[in-house]
Amino acid sequence: MDTTQMLKGLLEGCILKIIQKKSVYGYEMITLLSEYGLNMVSEGSIYPVLLKLQKQQLIIGEMHPSTDGPKRKYYSLTSAGKTYLLQFEKQWSLISTGVNTILEKGNEG
């Protein structure tokens, strides 16, 4: 099973939810996703998603100084991003409930 393909559609919503809590920079996002158990997400997959979300005006990126080196781009949610996230959460609830029901009842026989 290709986990990457399955994760692709969910990653945007997960990223928006993390950014909703606090502004984060790209590498920090990878670390946070890993802490939530999504350790298969790499730099090569996170930055295109962040760029896509920024082009869709769901997030904005602002450069801030770093104590550890060069400036970092921190991402935060826009009002459109908050609306999109609410829609994502509603859709995910419906989908996950249905899939979990199928998986659980599939074992009954």
Protein backbone atom coordinates (compact mmCIF):
# COMPACT_ATOMS: atom_id res chain seq x y z
CA MET A 1 0.00 0.00 0.00
CA ASP A 2 1.33 3.44 -0.94
CA THR A 3 1.05 5.47 2.27
CA THR A 4 2.24 8.60 0.47
CA GLN A 5 -0.74 8.57 -1.88
CA MET A 6 -3.18 8.02 0.98
CA LEU A 7 -1.60 10.80 3.03
CA LYS A 8 -1.44 13.33 0.18
CA GLY A 9 -5.06 14.45 0.47
CA LEU A 10 -4.99 14.62 4.26
CA LEU A 11 -1.73 16.49 4.66
CA GLU A 12 -3.19 19.90 3.80
CA GLY A 13 -5.80 19.65 6.56
CA CYS A 14 -3.24 18.40 9.08
CA ILE A 15 -0.88 21.26 8.24
CA LEU A 16 -3.66 23.84 8.56
CA LYS A 17 -4.66 22.44 11.95
CA ILE A 18 -1.10 22.66 13.25
CA ILE A 19 -0.71 26.21 11.92
CA GLN A 20 -4.03 27.16 13.55
CA LYS A 21 -2.48 26.52 16.96
CA LYS A 22 0.68 28.59 16.31
CA SER A 23 2.82 29.99 13.50
CA VAL A 24 5.48 27.48 12.44
CA TYR A 25 8.31 27.28 9.93
CA GLY A 26 8.77 24.45 7.44
CA TYR A 27 11.22 22.21 9.25
CA GLU A 28 9.33 22.69 12.52
CA MET A 29 6.21 21.48 10.69
CA ILE A 30 7.98 18.25 9.73
CA THR A 31 9.02 17.73 13.35
CA LEU A 32 5.49 18.37 14.65
CA LEU A 33 3.93 16.01 12.09
CA SER A 34 6.43 13.36 13.15
CA GLU A 35 5.51 13.87 16.81
CA TYR A 36 1.87 13.19 15.85
CA GLY A 37 2.92 9.93 14.20
CA LEU A 38 3.24 11.13 10.61
CA ASN A 39 6.98 10.49 10.43
CA MET A 40 6.83 9.55 6.74
CA VAL A 41 6.46 13.22 5.73
CA SER A 42 9.72 14.58 4.32
CA GLU A 43 11.01 18.04 3.44
CA GLY A 44 10.51 17.15 -0.20
CA SER A 45 6.78 16.71 0.35
CA ILE A 46 6.07 19.43 2.92
CA TYR A 47 7.37 22.48 1.06
CA PRO A 48 5.26 21.96 -2.09
CA VAL A 49 2.16 21.67 0.12
CA LEU A 50 3.07 24.85 2.00
CA LEU A 51 3.61 26.64 -1.33
CA LYS A 52 0.26 25.37 -2.64
CA LEU A 53 -1.56 26.51 0.51
CA GLN A 54 0.12 29.89 0.23
CA LYS A 55 -0.89 30.27 -3.44
CA GLN A 56 -4.46 29.40 -2.45
CA GLN A 57 -4.21 32.16 0.19
CA LEU A 58 -5.04 29.73 2.98
CA ILE A 59 -1.77 30.57 4.77
CA ILE A 60 0.69 33.44 4.68
CA GLY A 61 4.43 33.24 5.15
CA GLU A 62 6.45 35.91 6.91
CA MET A 63 10.20 36.00 7.44
CA HIS A 64 11.34 36.27 11.08
CA PRO A 65 14.83 36.32 12.56
CA SER A 66 16.16 33.12 14.08
CA THR A 67 18.53 32.72 17.01
CA ASP A 68 19.92 29.58 15.29
CA GLY A 69 20.97 31.10 11.96
CA PRO A 70 19.30 32.74 8.98
CA LYS A 71 15.75 34.10 8.94
CA ARG A 72 12.94 31.57 8.78
CA LYS A 73 9.59 31.76 7.04
CA TYR A 74 6.80 31.30 9.57
CA TYR A 75 3.38 30.34 8.29
CA SER A 76 0.06 31.42 9.77
CA LEU A 77 -3.58 30.85 8.86
CA THR A 78 -5.62 33.39 6.91
CA SER A 79 -9.36 33.82 7.39
CA ALA A 80 -9.86 31.75 4.21
CA GLY A 81 -7.61 29.09 5.75
CA LYS A 82 -9.75 29.00 8.89
CA THR A 83 -12.88 28.50 6.78
CA TYR A 84 -11.19 25.77 4.71
CA LEU A 85 -10.04 24.03 7.91
CA LEU A 86 -13.59 23.96 9.30
CA GLN A 87 -14.80 22.37 6.06
CA PHE A 88 -11.94 19.86 6.15
CA GLU A 89 -12.77 18.89 9.73
CA LYS A 90 -16.45 18.31 8.87
CA GLN A 91 -15.58 16.23 5.80
CA TRP A 92 -12.94 14.24 7.68
CA SER A 93 -15.44 13.43 10.43
CA LEU A 94 -17.90 12.03 7.89
CA ILE A 95 -15.28 10.08 5.95
CA SER A 96 -13.43 8.68 8.96
CA THR A 97 -16.68 7.59 10.61
CA GLY A 98 -17.74 5.76 7.46
CA VAL A 99 -14.38 4.09 6.88
CA ASN A 100 -14.07 3.04 10.53
CA THR A 101 -17.57 1.58 10.43
CA ILE A 102 -16.73 -0.44 7.31
CA LEU A 103 -13.45 -1.67 8.75
CA GLU A 104 -15.06 -2.68 12.05
CA LYS A 105 -18.10 -4.37 10.48
CA GLY A 106 -15.90 -6.03 7.86
CA ASN A 107 -14.57 -8.30 10.62
CA GLU A 108 -18.08 -9.44 11.55
CA GLY A 109 -19.27 -12.32 9.65
